[in-house]
Protein backbone atom coordinates (compact mmCIF):
# COMPACT_ATOMS: atom_id res chain seq x y z
CA MET A 1 104.76 70.06 81.24
CA GLU A 2 107.97 71.25 79.65
CA VAL A 3 109.71 68.10 80.88
CA LEU A 4 106.96 65.96 79.38
CA LEU A 5 107.28 67.71 76.02
CA LEU A 6 111.05 67.27 76.10
CA ALA A 7 110.61 63.61 76.91
CA ILE A 8 108.26 63.15 73.95
CA TYR A 9 110.64 65.07 71.71
CA SER A 10 113.57 62.98 72.90
CA ALA A 11 111.68 59.78 72.19
CA ILE A 12 110.93 60.97 68.65
CA VAL A 13 114.61 61.89 68.07
CA TRP A 14 115.77 58.52 69.37
CA PHE A 15 113.26 56.69 67.18
CA VAL A 16 114.16 58.65 64.01
CA PHE A 17 117.92 59.00 64.38
CA ILE A 18 119.00 56.05 66.51
CA LYS A 19 116.57 53.21 66.12
CA MET A 20 115.29 53.61 62.56
CA LYS A 21 118.25 55.67 61.33
CA TRP A 22 116.06 57.51 58.86
CA LEU A 23 118.37 60.53 59.15
CA PRO A 24 122.10 60.63 59.78
CA TRP A 25 123.23 61.39 63.32
CA ASN A 26 126.08 63.81 62.77
CA THR A 27 127.22 67.18 64.11
CA GLY A 28 124.81 69.19 61.96
CA THR A 29 121.71 67.18 62.90
CA GLN A 30 122.75 67.14 66.56
CA VAL A 31 122.93 70.96 66.63
CA ILE A 32 119.58 71.20 64.91
CA VAL A 33 118.04 68.67 67.32
CA VAL A 34 119.24 70.76 70.30
CA ILE A 35 118.21 74.15 68.88
CA ILE A 36 114.67 73.14 67.88
CA PRO A 37 113.35 72.36 71.41
CA VAL A 38 115.08 75.39 72.91
CA VAL A 39 113.56 77.78 70.38
CA ALA A 40 110.20 76.02 70.34
CA LEU A 41 109.82 75.83 74.10
CA THR A 42 110.93 79.44 74.52
CA ALA A 43 108.40 80.66 71.96
CA LEU A 44 105.69 78.44 73.44
CA VAL A 45 106.28 79.63 77.01
CA LEU A 46 106.44 83.29 75.98
CA ALA A 47 103.21 82.99 73.99
CA LEU A 48 101.54 81.03 76.78
CA ASN A 49 102.41 83.72 79.35
CA VAL A 50 100.47 86.24 77.24
CA VAL A 51 97.40 84.27 76.07
CA ALA A 52 97.05 82.25 79.31
CA PRO A 53 98.95 84.12 82.04
CA SER A 54 99.59 82.22 85.23
CA SER A 55 100.07 83.38 88.79
CA ALA A 56 101.89 81.59 91.57
CA ASP A 57 100.24 83.88 94.12
CA VAL A 58 96.51 83.22 94.42
CA ARG A 59 95.06 84.22 97.79
CA VAL A 60 91.79 83.78 99.64
CA LEU A 61 90.84 86.95 101.51
CA LYS A 62 88.08 87.43 104.06
CA TYR A 63 86.88 90.57 105.80
CA VAL A 64 87.86 90.75 109.45
CA ILE A 65 85.65 92.81 111.75
CA ASN A 66 86.83 94.08 115.10
CA VAL A 67 83.72 93.77 117.26
CA VAL A 68 83.49 96.89 119.41
CA PRO A 69 80.37 97.47 121.54
CA GLN A 70 78.49 100.75 121.23
CA VAL A 71 78.09 101.02 125.02
CA ARG A 72 80.25 100.14 127.97
CA GLY A 73 79.49 97.93 130.93
CA ARG A 74 80.07 94.63 132.69
CA VAL A 75 79.76 91.50 130.52
CA ILE A 76 77.12 89.10 131.84
CA ASP A 77 76.98 86.47 129.07
CA VAL A 78 79.23 85.21 126.24
CA PRO A 79 77.23 82.48 124.46
CA VAL A 80 79.36 82.42 121.28
CA GLU A 81 81.82 79.57 120.78
CA PRO A 82 85.16 80.37 119.15
CA ASN A 83 85.72 79.13 115.59
CA ARG A 84 82.14 77.90 115.20
CA LEU A 85 79.90 79.15 112.42
CA VAL A 86 77.64 81.95 113.65
CA ARG A 87 74.71 83.25 111.63
CA LYS A 88 74.00 86.94 111.23
CA GLY A 89 72.00 88.27 114.17
CA GLU A 90 73.01 85.56 116.66
CA VAL A 91 74.18 86.83 120.06
CA LEU A 92 77.93 87.23 120.58
CA PHE A 93 77.82 88.66 124.11
CA ARG A 94 75.62 90.67 126.45
CA ILE A 95 76.41 93.67 128.66
CA ASP A 96 74.60 94.34 131.96
CA PRO A 97 71.50 96.35 130.87
CA THR A 98 70.51 97.56 134.37
CA PRO A 99 71.83 101.17 134.20
CA TYR A 100 70.40 101.61 130.71
CA GLU A 101 67.00 100.26 131.79
CA LEU A 102 66.96 102.76 134.66
CA THR A 103 67.79 105.59 132.28
CA VAL A 104 64.92 104.56 130.02
CA ARG A 105 62.47 104.50 132.94
CA SER A 106 63.64 107.91 134.17
CA LEU A 107 63.23 109.45 130.73
CA GLU A 108 59.81 107.85 130.29
CA ALA A 109 58.71 109.53 133.53
CA GLN A 110 60.20 112.85 132.40
CA LEU A 111 58.44 112.52 129.07
CA ALA A 112 55.09 111.93 130.79
CA ASN A 113 55.63 115.05 132.91
CA ALA A 114 56.67 117.09 129.90
CA ILE A 115 53.61 115.98 127.94
CA ALA A 116 51.37 116.90 130.91
CA GLY A 117 53.13 120.27 131.14
CA SER A 118 52.60 120.94 127.44
CA ARG A 119 48.92 120.09 127.78
CA GLU A 120 48.63 122.37 130.81
CA LEU A 121 50.34 125.14 128.87
CA GLY A 122 47.83 124.66 126.05
CA GLU A 123 44.93 124.84 128.49
CA GLN A 124 46.38 127.98 130.08
CA LEU A 125 46.69 129.56 126.64
CA ILE A 126 43.06 128.73 125.88
CA GLY A 127 42.07 130.21 129.25
CA ALA A 128 44.08 133.38 128.56
CA GLN A 129 42.46 133.74 125.14
CA GLY A 130 39.06 133.32 126.81
CA LYS A 131 39.88 136.08 129.30
CA VAL A 132 40.88 138.36 126.42
CA THR A 133 37.54 137.69 124.74
CA GLU A 134 35.70 138.23 128.03
CA ALA A 135 37.53 141.52 128.67
CA ARG A 136 36.76 142.76 125.17
CA GLY A 137 33.08 141.88 125.65
CA ALA A 138 33.05 143.83 128.92
CA ILE A 139 34.63 146.79 127.13
CA GLN A 140 31.92 146.71 124.47
CA GLN A 141 29.17 146.56 127.14
CA SER A 142 30.73 149.44 129.07
CA GLU A 143 31.05 151.55 125.93
CA ALA A 144 27.42 150.80 125.02
CA LYS A 145 26.38 151.74 128.56
CA ILE A 146 28.38 155.00 128.32
CA ARG A 147 26.69 155.91 125.04
CA GLU A 148 23.26 155.16 126.48
CA VAL A 149 23.85 157.15 129.69
CA GLN A 150 25.46 160.00 127.70
CA THR A 151 22.32 160.32 125.57
CA ARG A 152 20.06 160.37 128.63
CA LEU A 153 22.41 162.79 130.36
CA ASP A 154 22.22 165.22 127.43
CA LEU A 155 18.43 165.07 127.57
CA ALA A 156 18.47 165.61 131.35
CA ARG A 157 20.79 168.61 130.94
CA THR A 158 18.34 170.14 128.43
CA ARG A 159 15.39 169.63 130.82
CA VAL A 160 17.33 171.22 133.69
CA ALA A 161 18.04 174.28 131.53
CA GLN A 162 14.39 174.52 130.41
CA ASN A 163 13.05 174.26 134.00
CA ARG A 164 15.47 176.91 135.18
CA GLU A 165 14.19 179.34 132.51
CA LEU A 166 10.57 178.63 133.48
CA VAL A 167 11.27 179.09 137.19
CA ALA A 168 13.12 182.35 136.47
CA THR A 169 10.08 183.74 134.60
CA GLY A 170 7.69 182.47 137.30
CA ALA A 171 5.98 180.09 134.91
CA GLY A 172 7.70 176.95 136.07
CA ASP A 173 7.44 174.59 139.01
CA ARG A 174 10.43 174.50 141.37
CA PHE A 175 9.65 170.90 142.25
CA ALA A 176 10.02 169.91 138.58
CA LEU A 177 13.36 171.77 138.48
CA GLU A 178 14.63 169.92 141.52
CA LYS A 179 13.55 166.58 140.06
CA ALA A 180 15.31 167.37 136.77
CA GLU A 181 18.48 168.33 138.63
CA THR A 182 18.29 165.11 140.70
CA ASP A 183 17.85 162.99 137.54
CA PHE A 184 20.81 164.79 135.95
CA ALA A 185 23.02 164.05 138.97
CA GLU A 186 22.01 160.36 138.97
CA LEU A 187 22.79 160.03 135.25
CA GLN A 188 26.17 161.76 135.80
CA ALA A 189 26.95 159.19 138.50
CA GLN A 190 25.89 156.35 136.16
CA LEU A 191 28.17 157.78 133.44
CA ASP A 192 31.12 157.87 135.86
CA THR A 193 30.37 154.28 136.89
CA ALA A 194 30.19 153.16 133.24
CA ARG A 195 33.48 154.89 132.46
CA ALA A 196 35.11 153.23 135.48
CA SER A 197 33.80 149.83 134.32
CA ALA A 198 35.21 150.48 130.83
CA ALA A 199 38.60 151.43 132.30
CA GLN A 200 38.56 148.29 134.44
CA ALA A 201 37.66 146.16 131.42
CA ARG A 202 40.51 147.69 129.38
CA ALA A 203 42.93 146.97 132.23
CA ALA A 204 41.66 143.39 132.34
CA GLU A 205 42.14 143.14 128.55
CA THR A 206 45.72 144.45 128.84
CA GLN A 207 46.51 141.91 131.55
CA ALA A 208 44.89 139.06 129.57
CA LEU A 209 46.79 140.03 126.39
CA ALA A 210 50.06 140.10 128.33
CA SER A 211 49.36 136.63 129.74
CA GLU A 212 48.40 135.38 126.28
CA ARG A 213 51.62 136.76 124.75
CA GLN A 214 53.69 135.18 127.50
CA LEU A 215 52.06 131.78 127.01
CA LYS A 216 52.45 132.04 123.24
CA GLU A 217 56.15 132.82 123.63
CA ARG A 218 56.54 129.77 125.85
CA SER A 219 54.69 127.58 123.35
CA LYS A 220 56.67 128.92 120.36
CA GLY A 221 59.56 126.52 121.06
CA THR A 222 58.28 123.59 118.99
CA TYR A 223 59.92 120.94 116.84
CA LYS A 224 57.81 119.16 114.21
CA ASP A 225 54.59 120.42 115.82
CA GLU A 226 55.69 119.22 119.26
CA TYR A 227 56.56 121.22 122.35
CA ALA A 228 60.37 121.59 122.41
CA PRO A 229 60.95 120.11 125.90
CA VAL A 230 58.78 117.14 124.94
CA ALA A 231 60.69 116.67 121.67
CA SER A 232 64.02 116.92 123.51
CA ILE A 233 63.10 114.31 126.12
CA ARG A 234 61.61 112.07 123.43
CA ALA A 235 64.92 112.19 121.53
CA GLN A 236 66.84 111.39 124.72
CA LEU A 237 64.47 108.48 125.36
CA ALA A 238 64.99 107.14 121.83
CA ASN A 239 68.76 107.31 122.33
CA ALA A 240 68.46 105.58 125.71
CA LYS A 241 66.39 102.78 124.19
CA TRP A 242 68.96 102.43 121.41
CA GLU A 243 71.76 102.17 123.97
CA LEU A 244 69.72 99.55 125.83
CA GLU A 245 69.45 97.52 122.62
CA GLN A 246 73.22 97.79 122.13
CA THR A 247 73.83 95.90 125.37
CA THR A 248 73.17 92.78 123.29
CA VAL A 249 75.90 92.51 120.65
CA THR A 250 75.02 90.30 117.67
CA ALA A 251 76.97 88.89 114.75
CA PRO A 252 77.23 91.45 111.91
CA ALA A 253 77.28 88.69 109.27
CA ASP A 254 77.67 84.95 108.84
CA GLY A 255 81.11 84.02 110.04
CA TYR A 256 83.36 82.91 112.85
CA ALA A 257 84.33 84.56 116.11
CA THR A 258 88.04 84.17 116.73
CA ASN A 259 90.32 85.34 119.48
CA VAL A 260 87.41 85.20 121.95
CA GLN A 261 89.09 86.23 125.19
CA LEU A 262 86.03 88.01 126.56
CA ARG A 263 84.69 86.44 129.74
CA VAL A 264 81.73 86.97 132.04
CA GLY A 265 82.62 89.70 134.53
CA SER A 266 84.95 91.53 132.16
CA PHE A 267 84.39 95.23 131.64
CA THR A 268 84.18 96.34 128.03
CA THR A 269 83.90 99.80 126.57
CA ALA A 270 83.18 101.50 123.25
CA PHE A 271 86.80 102.11 122.27
CA PRO A 272 87.87 101.21 118.71
CA THR A 273 91.46 100.34 119.61
CA THR A 274 90.38 97.68 122.15
CA PRO A 275 87.86 95.40 120.39
CA ALA A 276 86.00 92.84 122.45
CA MET A 277 86.63 90.07 119.90
CA THR A 278 87.57 89.45 116.28
CA PHE A 279 84.97 88.28 113.77
CA VAL A 280 85.85 86.74 110.40
CA GLU A 281 83.11 86.84 107.76
CA GLU A 282 82.25 83.64 105.93
CA THR A 283 82.14 85.57 102.64
CA TYR A 284 85.47 85.49 100.84
CA GLN A 285 87.29 87.02 97.90
CA VAL A 286 89.82 85.28 95.69
CA ILE A 287 92.51 87.39 94.06
CA ALA A 288 95.43 86.47 91.83
CA LEU A 289 98.42 88.81 91.67
CA TYR A 290 99.93 89.50 88.24
CA HIS A 291 102.72 91.63 86.89
CA GLN A 292 101.64 94.55 84.79
CA ASN A 293 102.58 93.21 81.36
CA GLU A 294 100.80 89.89 81.97
CA LEU A 295 97.35 91.53 81.85
CA GLN A 296 97.47 93.07 78.38
CA LEU A 297 94.93 90.58 76.93
CA VAL A 298 92.95 89.82 80.09
CA GLU A 299 89.33 91.02 80.12
CA GLU A 300 86.42 90.74 82.54
CA GLY A 301 84.53 87.49 82.03
CA ASN A 302 87.58 85.46 80.90
CA GLU A 303 87.65 81.87 82.10
CA ALA A 304 90.02 81.18 84.98
CA GLU A 305 91.14 78.27 87.13
CA PHE A 306 93.10 78.05 90.34
CA THR A 307 94.28 75.51 92.86
CA LEU A 308 94.85 75.81 96.60
CA ARG A 309 97.16 73.87 98.82
CA ALA A 310 94.27 73.51 101.25
CA HIS A 311 92.51 71.34 98.59
CA PRO A 312 95.25 69.25 96.93
CA GLY A 313 94.42 67.86 93.53
CA ARG A 314 91.32 70.04 93.02
CA VAL A 315 91.04 72.59 90.23
CA ILE A 316 88.52 75.34 91.07
CA LYS A 317 86.68 76.98 88.18
CA ALA A 318 86.20 80.75 88.12
CA LYS A 319 85.84 83.81 85.92
CA VAL A 320 87.60 87.16 85.95
CA ASP A 321 85.39 89.50 87.93
CA SER A 322 87.53 92.63 87.68
CA ILE A 323 91.07 93.94 87.59
CA VAL A 324 92.07 96.34 90.34
CA TRP A 325 94.12 98.86 88.38
CA ALA A 326 95.60 100.48 91.46
CA GLN A 327 98.28 99.81 94.02
CA GLY A 328 100.07 101.63 96.81
CA GLN A 329 103.01 102.60 94.60
CA GLY A 330 100.65 104.79 92.58
CA GLN A 331 99.63 106.87 95.59
CA VAL A 332 101.28 110.14 96.60
CA ALA A 333 100.92 111.08 100.25
CA ASN A 334 99.29 114.40 101.05
CA SER A 335 102.31 116.40 102.14
CA THR A 336 104.05 119.72 101.58
CA GLN A 337 107.20 117.85 100.60
CA LEU A 338 108.01 116.54 97.15
CA PRO A 339 107.43 112.78 96.61
CA ILE A 340 110.41 110.66 97.65
CA THR A 341 111.09 107.78 95.28
CA GLY A 342 113.99 106.34 97.26
CA VAL A 343 117.69 105.86 96.55
CA GLY A 344 117.11 102.93 94.21
CA PRO A 345 114.47 101.70 91.77
CA MET A 346 111.17 100.79 93.36
CA PRO A 347 110.27 97.07 93.18
CA PRO A 348 107.91 96.14 90.36
CA GLY A 349 104.30 96.27 91.44
CA ARG A 350 101.64 93.67 90.84
CA PHE A 351 97.96 94.22 90.24
CA PRO A 352 95.27 92.02 91.82
CA VAL A 353 92.71 90.29 89.63
CA LYS A 354 89.49 89.43 91.45
CA LEU A 355 88.09 86.01 90.55
CA ALA A 356 84.41 85.01 90.81
CA ILE A 357 83.94 81.35 91.77
CA SER A 358 81.72 79.25 89.50
CA GLU A 359 78.46 77.79 90.77
CA ARG A 360 80.00 74.32 90.85
CA ASP A 361 82.48 75.33 93.55
CA LYS A 362 80.39 77.93 95.40
CA ASP A 363 79.91 75.74 98.46
CA LEU A 364 83.56 74.76 98.75
CA PHE A 365 85.09 75.92 102.04
CA LEU A 366 87.98 78.30 101.40
CA PRO A 367 89.94 79.22 104.54
CA ALA A 368 91.12 82.78 104.91
CA GLY A 369 94.76 83.07 103.96
CA ALA A 370 94.82 79.98 101.74
CA ILE A 371 97.29 80.33 98.87
CA GLY A 372 97.78 78.58 95.57
CA GLN A 373 98.35 79.11 91.88
CA GLY A 374 96.04 79.89 89.00
CA ALA A 375 95.69 80.84 85.36
CA ILE A 376 93.48 83.04 83.18
CA TYR A 377 92.47 81.94 79.70
CA THR A 378 92.00 84.86 77.34
CA GLU A 379 90.16 84.93 74.02
CA HIS A 380 93.45 84.40 72.16
CA GLY A 381 95.59 81.32 71.50
CA ALA A 382 93.03 78.74 72.55
CA ALA A 383 95.04 76.01 70.80
CA ILE A 384 97.96 76.22 73.21
CA GLN A 385 95.98 76.98 76.38
CA ILE A 386 95.59 73.24 76.95
CA LEU A 387 99.26 73.23 77.97
CA ARG A 388 98.52 75.71 80.76
CA LYS A 389 95.63 73.55 81.97
CA VAL A 390 97.84 70.48 82.05
CA ILE A 391 100.56 72.37 83.95
CA LEU A 392 98.00 73.63 86.47
CA ARG A 393 96.62 70.14 87.06
CA ILE A 394 100.07 68.66 87.50
CA GLY A 395 100.78 71.34 90.09
CA ALA A 396 97.53 70.46 91.86
CA LYS A 397 98.61 66.83 92.12
CA LEU A 398 101.98 67.86 93.49
CA ASP A 399 100.17 69.64 96.33
CA TYR A 400 99.58 66.20 97.84
CA LEU A 401 103.31 66.02 98.61
CA VAL A 402 104.26 67.24 102.07
CA LEU A 403 107.95 68.02 101.62
CA LYS A 404 109.21 67.90 105.20
CA LEU A 405 112.16 65.96 106.61
CA HIS A 406 110.78 65.74 110.13
């Protein structure tokens, strides 16, 4: 663009001074003619770098995911094709599920046994509580029997005493005395039997209460209203089913599987440093790197354009999404030592500006790692920003040239 402006300026000078000779062509006018474009172009370029800053380092970035399986095992299927678009959820590879299926079946059987055991424990607790109730009922009956026999025994004791007094005075019947003594002895035996039954019922109650306490202690180990062994096995079963599902590894997003060296029969494991394959997401980010003083007028939402060598001649429309006001030179490592700045001045840092592609170019394929140049048009100096647009478009056309000598 500068060359074009100089060419136009030179044509005007030639027309005015040489062809039409409207002004004299002497030393003074020659100096003025040389100084004007130098000063003008310098001022124009300096102003343009502020109101429409350009970047010769525009990059297309994509997230790269190292695909690491969650479980280990022998690979039995690799249906994915390298460098072919894969949709999210499509199968990348499968691991032999046999050992994980067996683990699931074993835990399902253990869970069934644990559930049956918990039900049996509940039934035993109900039975123990019933025995406690039964023993307490027997105690009440024995105590009622003791009270009844005790009352009759007191009456029999009184009759024995009365008959003895009558026999001693000669007014009583000895047969009636003997009968009263016999009744008294029978009631005493009944009282002893009732007391023995009460003692036996209390012993049965003590045993039933002990059994009940033991069963309650065993059933106290619960988690979310479920018997603890059952909850434990259920959790193990859920984990086993999850591991079984992980034997089928699917695409985490839309993208491309690259560096697919995994083959059927290979053994893979859940180890982060040895991924099974590399997956490149289809979603991309475009950033333009700028020096610090170039961004003084740039704001979010400013119009932007950029070109890529992968698409010669095409100018891609965008807007400023955000400015990442951070870089590695602004980070101090967590250490007990003082920061080391080096023996010389640190190189000037650049800040990335994230660009959001316009709807017109949303579907354009942008390969990861593509580079180009771009420009941001601020809200200032709109009159001279056309020069930046022309320069950018000329650069896009020059991308058609493949400058190689072989």
